[in-house]
Amino acid sequence: MNREALSRLSKDELIDIILAQARQIEMLAARVAELEARLGQPPKTPDNSSLPPSRGAKANKPERPRGLRREASVGRVGGGRPLHPDPDRIVEAWAKQCPHCASGLEATAQRPLAVYDKIELPPVRPVVTRVVLHGGRCPCCAALVRALAPVGLEPGSPYGGSIAATALYLRYSHAIGYARLSGLFGHLFGLPISEGALANLFQRVKPCFDREVAEILARLRRSRLICSDETSARVHGRNQWEWVFQNDQVAVHVIRPSRGRAVVTEVLAGHRPIIWVSDLYGAQRGWAERWQLCLAHQLRDCQFAIEAGDTVFAPPLKRLILRAVAIGRRRASLSDATLRQYRQALDRRMDAVMAGQPNNRHGIRLRKRFGALRDELFTFITERDVPATNNGSERALRPSVIFRKVTNGFRSEWGRDLYAAVRSVIGTGQRAKLSPFEAIRNALAAQPVGGIAPLPG
């Protein structure tokens, strides 16, 4: 608007324009102040926030002193691989003559001076069993009769259980895509198998894992303690969410389009555990009688507030949480009465921490949070089976994050569900000291994983 146009306006109209501009200036000034405040904040890192470790900058390792480097080249004392307890063959060599004076040496006068193993992998080739079912005409009724197939050699897919177990293990435990997996079977095992054949093989064995997951899920729904977390997944090129629900006995993975409470409702099916362990995400709250807040997340938030300038609330709270974690590590050697005394002492120290009046906005935010959640901080002190952090759930999801980054997710719903089922079987098997390959093989053979007895009926 130019000067001439303004001159034609009335006094009230000019006042309205000035007031509108004043309000806009106030908004812009507040925005500038907010941005300037952000410029003074510390950067978000994996140590002071929930950023994953892969997003953090790793410091360079310091150079080793030259003397240590020369000593390392000689070899460390006591190093080396232990000898195999049961070698396939033993090759012995005797000295024939002295290299100094050329005198002959008798074998009976010699003793072992050096013993070591040489290890090789034999060529891996598929074992092909040709099945020929004979038959003929019945001499009585002239019907064509064919022999029954031997057990385990029925018609159908030519690929047996060992190939299925190996393919599942390589894909879902080592994040190998279909193209690379097909090439690996051809190059290492001499077994040409196409990507389509691999997909058909996975579809064929999926019911084996569905049955096992039903048993694992039934056990989860009887659990006293459940820990949970979630991470993103890619299905059909769109974002979905992978959830994990786990404790010391079982692990259940599900991938759903939603990150909301409906997923937890589906998994629990009406079960209400005694204690739940999770972070602050709203969809994971309110599912149990008691709650243990993940202290690892709170320590990182305290660290960020300290770096942002809070000196009143975050520093003593961080010290208190670290004290509680240290007590939790000693629970096995402490009596129940001692743990109750520790819990009472922690509550008293928390009263003192809450009495602080921070003037830093990050400290104020933390104080407001723990004013409502302070009872959820130290549940684990008197509950011996409850972890202080939700790191177990985060570790359970880490292979899935790697799988997503390497393979870019899933192109089908059944592939998504099979992956979640295999991760459930592997995670539950690991809690029973089974390797991932052993857990997969047990599921294919209808053997229980993790000591879980089959459900009746």
Protein backbone atom coordinates (compact mmCIF):
# COMPACT_ATOMS: atom_id res chain seq x y z
CA MET A 1 0.00 0.00 0.00
CA ASN A 2 1.52 3.36 -1.08
CA ARG A 3 1.38 6.82 0.58
CA GLU A 4 -1.54 8.08 -1.53
CA ALA A 5 -3.69 5.08 -0.63
CA LEU A 6 -2.90 5.52 3.06
CA SER A 7 -3.86 9.21 2.90
CA ARG A 8 -7.38 8.29 1.81
CA LEU A 9 -7.96 6.00 4.84
CA SER A 10 -9.77 7.09 7.97
CA LYS A 11 -8.14 7.31 11.37
CA ASP A 12 -9.75 4.05 12.59
CA GLU A 13 -8.60 2.18 9.47
CA LEU A 14 -5.04 3.39 9.99
CA ILE A 15 -5.15 2.28 13.64
CA ASP A 16 -6.32 -1.22 12.58
CA ILE A 17 -3.45 -1.51 10.09
CA ILE A 18 -0.89 -0.40 12.71
CA LEU A 19 -2.24 -2.87 15.29
CA ALA A 20 -2.16 -5.75 12.79
CA GLN A 21 1.44 -4.96 11.90
CA ALA A 22 2.35 -4.72 15.58
CA ARG A 23 0.92 -8.21 16.22
CA GLN A 24 2.85 -9.57 13.24
CA ILE A 25 6.06 -7.98 14.53
CA GLU A 26 5.52 -9.58 17.96
CA MET A 27 5.04 -13.01 16.36
CA LEU A 28 8.15 -12.61 14.24
CA ALA A 29 10.17 -11.42 17.23
CA ALA A 30 9.09 -14.46 19.25
CA ARG A 31 10.02 -16.72 16.35
CA VAL A 32 13.43 -15.09 16.06
CA ALA A 33 13.99 -15.51 19.80
CA GLU A 34 13.05 -19.19 19.56
CA LEU A 35 15.43 -19.79 16.66
CA GLU A 36 18.23 -17.93 18.45
CA ALA A 37 17.65 -20.09 21.52
CA ARG A 38 17.90 -23.21 19.37
CA LEU A 39 21.20 -22.04 17.97
CA GLY A 40 22.57 -22.03 21.50
CA GLN A 41 21.41 -25.59 22.28
CA PRO A 42 23.78 -28.56 22.20
CA PRO A 43 23.49 -30.89 19.20
CA LYS A 44 21.38 -34.01 19.50
CA THR A 45 23.58 -37.13 19.73
CA PRO A 46 23.00 -40.81 20.66
CA ASP A 47 24.37 -39.96 24.14
CA ASN A 48 21.83 -37.24 24.97
CA SER A 49 18.78 -38.25 22.90
CA SER A 50 17.06 -41.20 21.26
CA LEU A 51 19.06 -40.89 18.06
CA PRO A 52 20.33 -44.33 16.98
CA PRO A 53 24.08 -45.03 17.33
CA SER A 54 24.43 -44.99 13.53
CA ARG A 55 23.55 -41.27 13.53
CA GLY A 56 26.40 -40.36 15.86
CA ALA A 57 29.82 -39.13 14.78
CA LYS A 58 32.52 -41.56 15.82
CA ALA A 59 35.79 -40.13 17.08
CA ASN A 60 39.06 -41.24 15.54
CA LYS A 61 41.03 -43.77 17.52
CA PRO A 62 44.23 -42.39 19.04
CA GLU A 63 47.41 -43.56 17.41
CA ARG A 64 49.25 -46.28 19.29
CA PRO A 65 52.78 -45.62 20.51
CA ARG A 66 55.46 -47.00 18.22
CA GLY A 67 56.84 -49.30 20.88
CA LEU A 68 53.50 -50.99 21.41
CA ARG A 69 53.10 -51.43 17.67
CA ARG A 70 56.44 -53.25 17.39
CA GLU A 71 55.56 -55.48 20.33
CA ALA A 72 52.18 -56.31 18.80
CA SER A 73 53.87 -57.47 15.60
CA VAL A 74 55.74 -60.14 17.55
CA GLY A 75 52.52 -61.65 18.83
CA ARG A 76 50.75 -61.70 22.16
CA VAL A 77 51.61 -64.15 24.88
CA GLY A 78 49.19 -67.03 25.11
CA GLY A 79 47.49 -66.22 21.81
CA GLY A 80 46.37 -68.63 19.15
CA ARG A 81 43.41 -70.85 18.44
CA PRO A 82 42.93 -73.85 20.76
CA LEU A 83 43.49 -77.25 19.17
CA HIS A 84 40.40 -79.10 17.97
CA PRO A 85 39.42 -81.86 20.42
CA ASP A 86 38.60 -84.38 17.65
CA PRO A 87 40.59 -83.83 14.42
CA ASP A 88 39.50 -85.76 11.33
CA ARG A 89 43.05 -86.88 10.59
CA ILE A 90 46.51 -86.49 12.09
CA VAL A 91 49.61 -85.99 10.00
CA GLU A 92 52.93 -86.59 11.75
CA ALA A 93 56.34 -85.63 10.42
CA TRP A 94 59.77 -86.76 11.68
CA ALA A 95 63.10 -85.11 11.08
CA LYS A 96 65.36 -87.21 8.85
CA GLN A 97 68.73 -85.56 9.54
CA CYS A 98 70.32 -82.68 11.43
CA PRO A 99 70.44 -79.52 9.26
CA HIS A 100 73.75 -78.52 10.91
CA CYS A 101 75.90 -81.67 10.66
CA ALA A 102 73.75 -83.90 8.40
CA SER A 103 73.67 -86.73 10.98
CA GLY A 104 70.70 -89.08 10.73
CA LEU A 105 67.98 -88.97 13.38
CA GLU A 106 66.00 -91.96 14.66
CA ALA A 107 62.24 -91.57 14.86
CA THR A 108 62.10 -93.30 18.26
CA ALA A 109 64.32 -90.60 19.78
CA GLN A 110 62.11 -87.72 18.68
CA ARG A 111 59.23 -86.02 20.52
CA PRO A 112 56.55 -83.52 19.41
CA LEU A 113 57.98 -79.98 19.32
CA ALA A 114 55.16 -78.21 17.44
CA VAL A 115 51.47 -79.16 17.24
CA TYR A 116 48.93 -77.11 15.28
CA ASP A 117 45.75 -77.50 13.24
CA LYS A 118 45.14 -76.73 9.56
CA ILE A 119 41.43 -76.27 8.81
CA GLU A 120 39.66 -76.41 5.46
CA LEU A 121 36.03 -76.49 4.38
CA PRO A 122 35.10 -79.44 2.18
CA PRO A 123 33.31 -78.71 -1.10
CA VAL A 124 29.58 -78.40 -0.36
CA ARG A 125 27.44 -80.07 -2.98
CA PRO A 126 23.76 -81.01 -2.82
CA VAL A 127 22.84 -84.63 -2.20
CA VAL A 128 20.25 -85.53 -4.83
CA THR A 129 17.96 -88.49 -4.18
CA ARG A 130 16.19 -89.80 -7.24
CA VAL A 131 12.83 -91.37 -6.30
CA VAL A 132 11.37 -93.93 -8.72
CA LEU A 133 7.87 -95.13 -7.91
CA HIS A 134 7.17 -98.40 -9.72
CA GLY A 135 3.74 -99.75 -10.51
CA GLY A 136 1.73 -101.86 -12.86
CA ARG A 137 -1.66 -103.34 -13.71
CA CYS A 138 -3.42 -105.38 -11.11
CA PRO A 139 -3.83 -108.93 -12.48
CA CYS A 140 -7.23 -109.17 -10.83
CA CYS A 141 -8.99 -105.87 -11.69
CA ALA A 142 -6.56 -104.38 -14.23
CA ALA A 143 -6.30 -101.16 -12.21
CA LEU A 144 -3.05 -99.18 -12.51
CA VAL A 145 -1.28 -99.39 -9.15
CA ARG A 146 1.68 -97.18 -8.18
CA ALA A 147 3.98 -97.66 -5.20
CA LEU A 148 3.60 -95.35 -2.23
CA ALA A 149 6.36 -92.78 -1.78
CA PRO A 150 8.74 -93.42 1.15
CA VAL A 151 8.16 -91.23 4.20
CA GLY A 152 9.93 -87.92 3.75
CA LEU A 153 10.28 -88.40 -0.02
CA GLU A 154 6.76 -87.51 -1.10
CA PRO A 155 6.15 -85.69 -4.41
CA GLY A 156 6.25 -81.89 -4.32
CA SER A 157 9.02 -79.37 -4.02
CA PRO A 158 12.47 -80.86 -4.67
CA TYR A 159 14.04 -78.75 -1.92
CA GLY A 160 14.24 -80.45 1.45
CA GLY A 161 14.29 -79.18 4.99
CA SER A 162 18.04 -78.53 5.14
CA ILE A 163 17.82 -76.21 2.13
CA ALA A 164 14.81 -74.42 3.61
CA ALA A 165 16.59 -73.96 6.96
CA THR A 166 19.74 -72.64 5.30
CA ALA A 167 17.83 -70.24 3.05
CA LEU A 168 15.74 -68.90 5.95
CA TYR A 169 18.81 -68.51 8.14
CA LEU A 170 20.79 -66.61 5.52
CA ARG A 171 17.91 -64.32 4.56
CA TYR A 172 16.35 -63.53 7.92
CA SER A 173 19.40 -63.73 10.19
CA HIS A 174 21.96 -62.20 7.79
CA ALA A 175 19.72 -59.90 5.68
CA ILE A 176 20.65 -61.43 2.31
CA GLY A 177 18.34 -60.37 -0.51
CA TYR A 178 16.75 -62.75 -3.00
CA ALA A 179 19.20 -62.06 -5.84
CA ARG A 180 22.28 -62.48 -3.68
CA LEU A 181 20.78 -65.53 -1.98
CA SER A 182 20.14 -67.19 -5.32
CA GLY A 183 23.72 -66.47 -6.38
CA LEU A 184 25.10 -67.74 -3.08
CA PHE A 185 23.40 -71.12 -3.45
CA GLY A 186 24.78 -71.44 -6.97
CA HIS A 187 28.31 -70.31 -6.19
CA LEU A 188 28.93 -71.96 -2.83
CA PHE A 189 26.66 -75.00 -2.88
CA GLY A 190 26.45 -75.79 -6.60
CA LEU A 191 22.65 -75.62 -6.39
CA PRO A 192 20.93 -73.42 -8.98
CA ILE A 193 17.78 -72.03 -7.38
CA SER A 194 15.89 -69.04 -8.75
CA GLU A 195 14.49 -66.12 -6.80
CA GLY A 196 10.97 -67.33 -7.56
CA ALA A 197 11.80 -70.79 -6.26
CA LEU A 198 13.13 -69.25 -3.04
CA ALA A 199 9.91 -67.23 -2.62
CA ASN A 200 7.82 -70.37 -3.18
CA LEU A 201 9.98 -72.26 -0.67
CA PHE A 202 9.42 -69.56 1.97
CA GLN A 203 5.67 -69.56 1.35
CA ARG A 204 5.60 -73.34 1.69
CA VAL A 205 7.27 -73.36 5.12
CA LYS A 206 5.43 -70.34 6.52
CA PRO A 207 2.74 -72.45 8.29
CA CYS A 208 5.49 -74.14 10.34
CA PHE A 209 6.44 -70.77 11.81
CA ASP A 210 2.83 -69.64 12.20
CA ARG A 211 2.18 -72.68 14.43
CA GLU A 212 5.29 -71.99 16.50
CA VAL A 213 4.43 -68.30 16.90
CA ALA A 214 0.92 -69.23 18.11
CA GLU A 215 2.55 -71.22 20.93
CA ILE A 216 5.00 -68.42 21.74
CA LEU A 217 2.17 -65.89 21.75
CA ALA A 218 0.11 -68.05 24.09
CA ARG A 219 3.01 -68.07 26.52
CA LEU A 220 3.43 -64.29 26.26
CA ARG A 221 -0.24 -63.91 27.19
CA ARG A 222 0.48 -65.70 30.45
CA SER A 223 3.52 -63.57 31.30
CA ARG A 224 3.84 -61.51 34.44
CA LEU A 225 6.33 -59.12 32.81
CA ILE A 226 6.33 -57.71 29.26
CA CYS A 227 8.80 -55.28 27.69
CA SER A 228 7.90 -53.59 24.40
CA ASP A 229 9.25 -51.28 21.75
CA GLU A 230 8.68 -50.48 18.07
CA THR A 231 10.59 -49.39 14.98
CA SER A 232 9.66 -48.54 11.42
CA ALA A 233 9.38 -51.11 8.61
CA ARG A 234 8.85 -50.83 4.86
CA VAL A 235 6.07 -52.84 3.20
CA HIS A 236 5.02 -52.22 -0.42
CA GLY A 237 7.22 -49.13 -0.36
CA ARG A 238 5.21 -47.60 2.51
CA ASN A 239 5.96 -47.14 6.18
CA GLN A 240 4.64 -49.65 8.69
CA TRP A 241 5.71 -50.52 12.23
CA GLU A 242 7.44 -53.53 13.69
CA TRP A 243 6.60 -54.14 17.35
CA VAL A 244 8.38 -56.47 19.75
CA PHE A 245 6.95 -57.82 23.01
CA GLN A 246 9.50 -59.75 25.01
CA ASN A 247 10.81 -60.92 28.36
CA ASP A 248 13.39 -63.46 29.53
CA GLN A 249 11.46 -66.40 28.05
CA VAL A 250 9.83 -65.29 24.79
CA ALA A 251 9.94 -62.68 22.05
CA VAL A 252 7.01 -61.86 19.76
CA HIS A 253 7.43 -59.65 16.68
CA VAL A 254 4.50 -58.28 14.67
CA ILE A 255 4.49 -55.81 11.77
CA ARG A 256 1.38 -53.72 11.29
CA PRO A 257 0.42 -50.52 9.40
CA SER A 258 -0.41 -48.85 12.71
CA ARG A 259 1.73 -47.51 15.53
CA GLY A 260 -1.33 -47.14 17.72
CA ARG A 261 -2.77 -48.95 20.70
CA ALA A 262 -4.78 -51.34 18.52
CA VAL A 263 -1.62 -53.38 17.91
CA VAL A 264 -1.05 -53.95 21.62
CA THR A 265 -4.71 -54.83 22.08
CA GLU A 266 -4.41 -57.43 19.32
CA VAL A 267 -1.28 -59.01 20.80
CA LEU A 268 -2.43 -59.10 24.42
CA ALA A 269 -5.95 -60.35 23.59
CA GLY A 270 -7.25 -59.27 27.00
CA HIS A 271 -4.20 -60.29 29.04
CA ARG A 272 -3.03 -57.73 31.61
CA PRO A 273 0.49 -58.37 32.94
CA ILE A 274 1.68 -57.22 36.34
CA ILE A 275 4.56 -55.05 35.08
CA TRP A 276 5.26 -53.34 31.75
CA VAL A 277 8.63 -51.91 30.66
CA SER A 278 8.79 -49.33 27.86
CA ASP A 279 9.68 -45.78 26.96
CA LEU A 280 7.32 -42.81 27.18
CA TYR A 281 5.44 -43.44 23.92
CA GLY A 282 1.74 -43.16 24.70
CA ALA A 283 0.61 -46.33 22.88
CA GLN A 284 2.80 -48.43 25.21
CA ARG A 285 1.42 -47.01 28.45
CA GLY A 286 -1.37 -48.26 30.66
CA TRP A 287 -1.27 -51.97 29.79
CA ALA A 288 -0.19 -53.36 33.17
CA GLU A 289 -0.82 -52.81 36.84
CA ARG A 290 2.64 -51.29 37.24
CA TRP A 291 5.13 -49.66 34.89
CA GLN A 292 8.91 -49.41 34.75
CA LEU A 293 10.04 -46.43 32.74
CA CYS A 294 13.17 -47.05 30.64
CA LEU A 295 15.96 -45.34 32.58
CA ALA A 296 18.33 -45.30 29.61
CA HIS A 297 16.04 -42.83 27.86
CA GLN A 298 15.81 -40.69 30.99
CA LEU A 299 19.58 -40.60 31.41
CA ARG A 300 19.97 -39.35 27.85
CA ASP A 301 17.33 -36.67 28.40
CA CYS A 302 19.12 -35.59 31.60
CA GLN A 303 22.40 -35.39 29.72
CA PHE A 304 20.87 -33.15 27.06
CA ALA A 305 19.39 -30.85 29.71
CA ILE A 306 22.79 -30.61 31.40
CA GLU A 307 24.48 -29.76 28.10
CA ALA A 308 21.74 -27.18 27.47
CA GLY A 309 22.59 -25.38 30.70
CA ASP A 310 20.38 -26.84 33.45
CA THR A 311 22.33 -26.99 36.73
CA VAL A 312 19.46 -27.38 39.19
CA PHE A 313 17.34 -30.42 38.29
CA ALA A 314 19.01 -32.65 35.67
CA PRO A 315 22.44 -33.16 37.38
CA PRO A 316 21.09 -34.52 40.71
CA LEU A 317 18.43 -36.55 38.88
CA LYS A 318 21.09 -38.16 36.69
CA ARG A 319 23.18 -39.04 39.76
CA LEU A 320 20.12 -40.54 41.44
CA ILE A 321 19.22 -42.68 38.42
CA LEU A 322 22.80 -43.93 38.12
CA ARG A 323 22.71 -44.81 41.81
CA ALA A 324 19.50 -46.80 41.30
CA VAL A 325 20.96 -48.66 38.32
CA ALA A 326 24.04 -49.58 40.37
CA ILE A 327 21.79 -51.00 43.11
CA GLY A 328 19.84 -52.96 40.51
CA ARG A 329 23.01 -54.68 39.33
CA ARG A 330 23.55 -55.97 42.87
CA ARG A 331 20.02 -57.30 43.42
CA ALA A 332 21.09 -60.95 43.32
CA SER A 333 23.27 -60.48 46.41
CA LEU A 334 20.80 -58.37 48.40
CA SER A 335 17.89 -59.46 50.55
CA ASP A 336 14.32 -58.33 50.00
CA ALA A 337 14.43 -56.21 53.17
CA THR A 338 17.60 -54.46 52.00
CA LEU A 339 16.05 -53.73 48.60
CA ARG A 340 13.01 -52.20 50.29
CA GLN A 341 15.28 -49.96 52.34
CA TYR A 342 17.12 -48.91 49.19
CA ARG A 343 13.80 -48.10 47.53
CA GLN A 344 12.75 -45.92 50.46
CA ALA A 345 16.10 -44.12 50.39
CA LEU A 346 15.76 -43.49 46.65
CA ASP A 347 12.28 -42.05 47.17
CA ARG A 348 13.60 -39.69 49.85
CA ARG A 349 16.40 -38.51 47.56
CA MET A 350 13.82 -38.05 44.79
CA ASP A 351 11.89 -35.75 47.14
CA ALA A 352 15.01 -33.61 47.46
CA VAL A 353 15.53 -33.57 43.69
CA MET A 354 11.92 -32.52 43.09
CA ALA A 355 12.34 -29.67 45.57
CA GLY A 356 14.70 -27.96 43.13
CA GLN A 357 13.30 -25.07 41.09
CA PRO A 358 15.10 -24.99 37.72
CA ASN A 359 14.94 -21.88 35.56
CA ASN A 360 16.26 -23.63 32.43
CA ARG A 361 13.37 -24.69 30.17
CA HIS A 362 14.80 -28.21 29.72
CA GLY A 363 15.09 -28.64 33.47
CA ILE A 364 11.55 -27.34 33.89
CA ARG A 365 10.32 -29.84 31.32
CA LEU A 366 12.04 -32.74 33.11
CA ARG A 367 10.70 -31.68 36.50
CA LYS A 368 7.16 -31.53 35.13
CA ARG A 369 7.57 -35.00 33.58
CA PHE A 370 8.80 -36.69 36.74
CA GLY A 371 6.30 -34.91 38.90
CA ALA A 372 3.76 -37.19 37.21
CA LEU A 373 5.97 -40.26 36.66
CA ARG A 374 8.27 -40.47 39.66
CA ASP A 375 6.57 -43.66 40.93
CA GLU A 376 7.53 -45.41 37.68
CA LEU A 377 11.28 -44.81 37.99
CA PHE A 378 12.31 -47.36 40.62
CA THR A 379 9.88 -50.26 40.20
CA PHE A 380 12.79 -52.56 39.33
CA ILE A 381 14.51 -52.10 42.70
CA THR A 382 12.17 -54.44 44.58
CA GLU A 383 11.11 -56.51 41.55
CA ARG A 384 14.09 -58.75 40.81
CA ASP A 385 12.97 -59.87 37.36
CA VAL A 386 12.30 -56.34 36.07
CA PRO A 387 15.08 -54.63 34.06
CA ALA A 388 15.95 -51.00 34.72
CA THR A 389 16.01 -50.22 31.01
CA ASN A 390 14.24 -51.32 27.85
CA ASN A 391 17.53 -52.17 26.15
CA GLY A 392 16.42 -55.80 25.68
CA SER A 393 13.62 -54.68 23.36
CA GLU A 394 15.94 -52.33 21.48
CA ARG A 395 18.45 -55.15 20.96
CA ALA A 396 15.64 -57.41 19.71
CA LEU A 397 14.74 -54.80 17.05
CA ARG A 398 18.29 -53.99 15.95
CA PRO A 399 18.52 -56.88 13.41
CA SER A 400 15.26 -55.64 11.88
CA VAL A 401 16.70 -52.15 11.42
CA ILE A 402 19.70 -53.66 9.64
CA PHE A 403 17.40 -55.85 7.52
CA ARG A 404 15.34 -52.81 6.49
CA LYS A 405 18.40 -50.82 5.49
CA VAL A 406 19.94 -53.68 3.50
CA THR A 407 16.84 -55.06 1.76
CA ASN A 408 14.52 -52.00 1.78
CA GLY A 409 11.71 -54.03 3.30
CA PHE A 410 9.03 -56.34 1.93
CA ARG A 411 7.03 -56.58 -1.27
CA SER A 412 4.20 -58.73 0.10
CA GLU A 413 2.08 -59.14 3.21
CA TRP A 414 3.04 -62.80 3.62
CA GLY A 415 6.75 -61.89 3.40
CA ARG A 416 6.25 -59.30 6.12
CA ASP A 417 4.46 -61.78 8.37
CA LEU A 418 6.99 -64.56 7.72
CA TYR A 419 9.83 -62.24 8.70
CA ALA A 420 8.09 -61.35 11.98
CA ALA A 421 7.43 -65.04 12.67
CA VAL A 422 11.04 -66.05 11.99
CA ARG A 423 12.33 -63.25 14.23
CA SER A 424 9.95 -64.44 16.96
CA VAL A 425 11.29 -67.99 16.66
CA ILE A 426 14.93 -66.83 16.61
CA GLY A 427 14.45 -64.48 19.57
CA THR A 428 12.67 -67.08 21.66
CA GLY A 429 15.23 -69.73 20.74
CA GLN A 430 18.11 -67.48 21.77
CA ARG A 431 16.59 -67.17 25.24
CA ALA A 432 16.83 -70.97 25.46
CA LYS A 433 20.50 -70.91 24.29
CA LEU A 434 19.64 -72.02 20.76
CA SER A 435 21.51 -70.54 17.82
CA PRO A 436 19.36 -68.86 15.15
CA PHE A 437 19.94 -71.80 12.80
CA GLU A 438 18.96 -74.34 15.47
CA ALA A 439 15.77 -72.41 16.27
CA ILE A 440 14.79 -72.28 12.58
CA ARG A 441 15.52 -75.97 12.13
CA ASN A 442 13.43 -76.85 15.20
CA ALA A 443 10.48 -74.85 13.88
CA LEU A 444 10.65 -76.62 10.50
CA ALA A 445 10.77 -80.01 12.25
CA ALA A 446 7.79 -79.12 14.49
CA GLN A 447 10.06 -79.25 17.53
CA PRO A 448 9.42 -76.82 20.42
CA VAL A 449 11.53 -73.66 20.49
CA GLY A 450 12.72 -72.34 23.81
CA GLY A 451 11.29 -75.16 25.89
CA ILE A 452 7.71 -74.32 24.95
CA ALA A 453 5.42 -77.32 25.08
CA PRO A 454 2.87 -77.54 22.26
CA LEU A 455 -0.60 -76.29 23.12
CA PRO A 456 -3.24 -78.97 23.75
CA GLY A 457 -5.39 -79.78 20.78
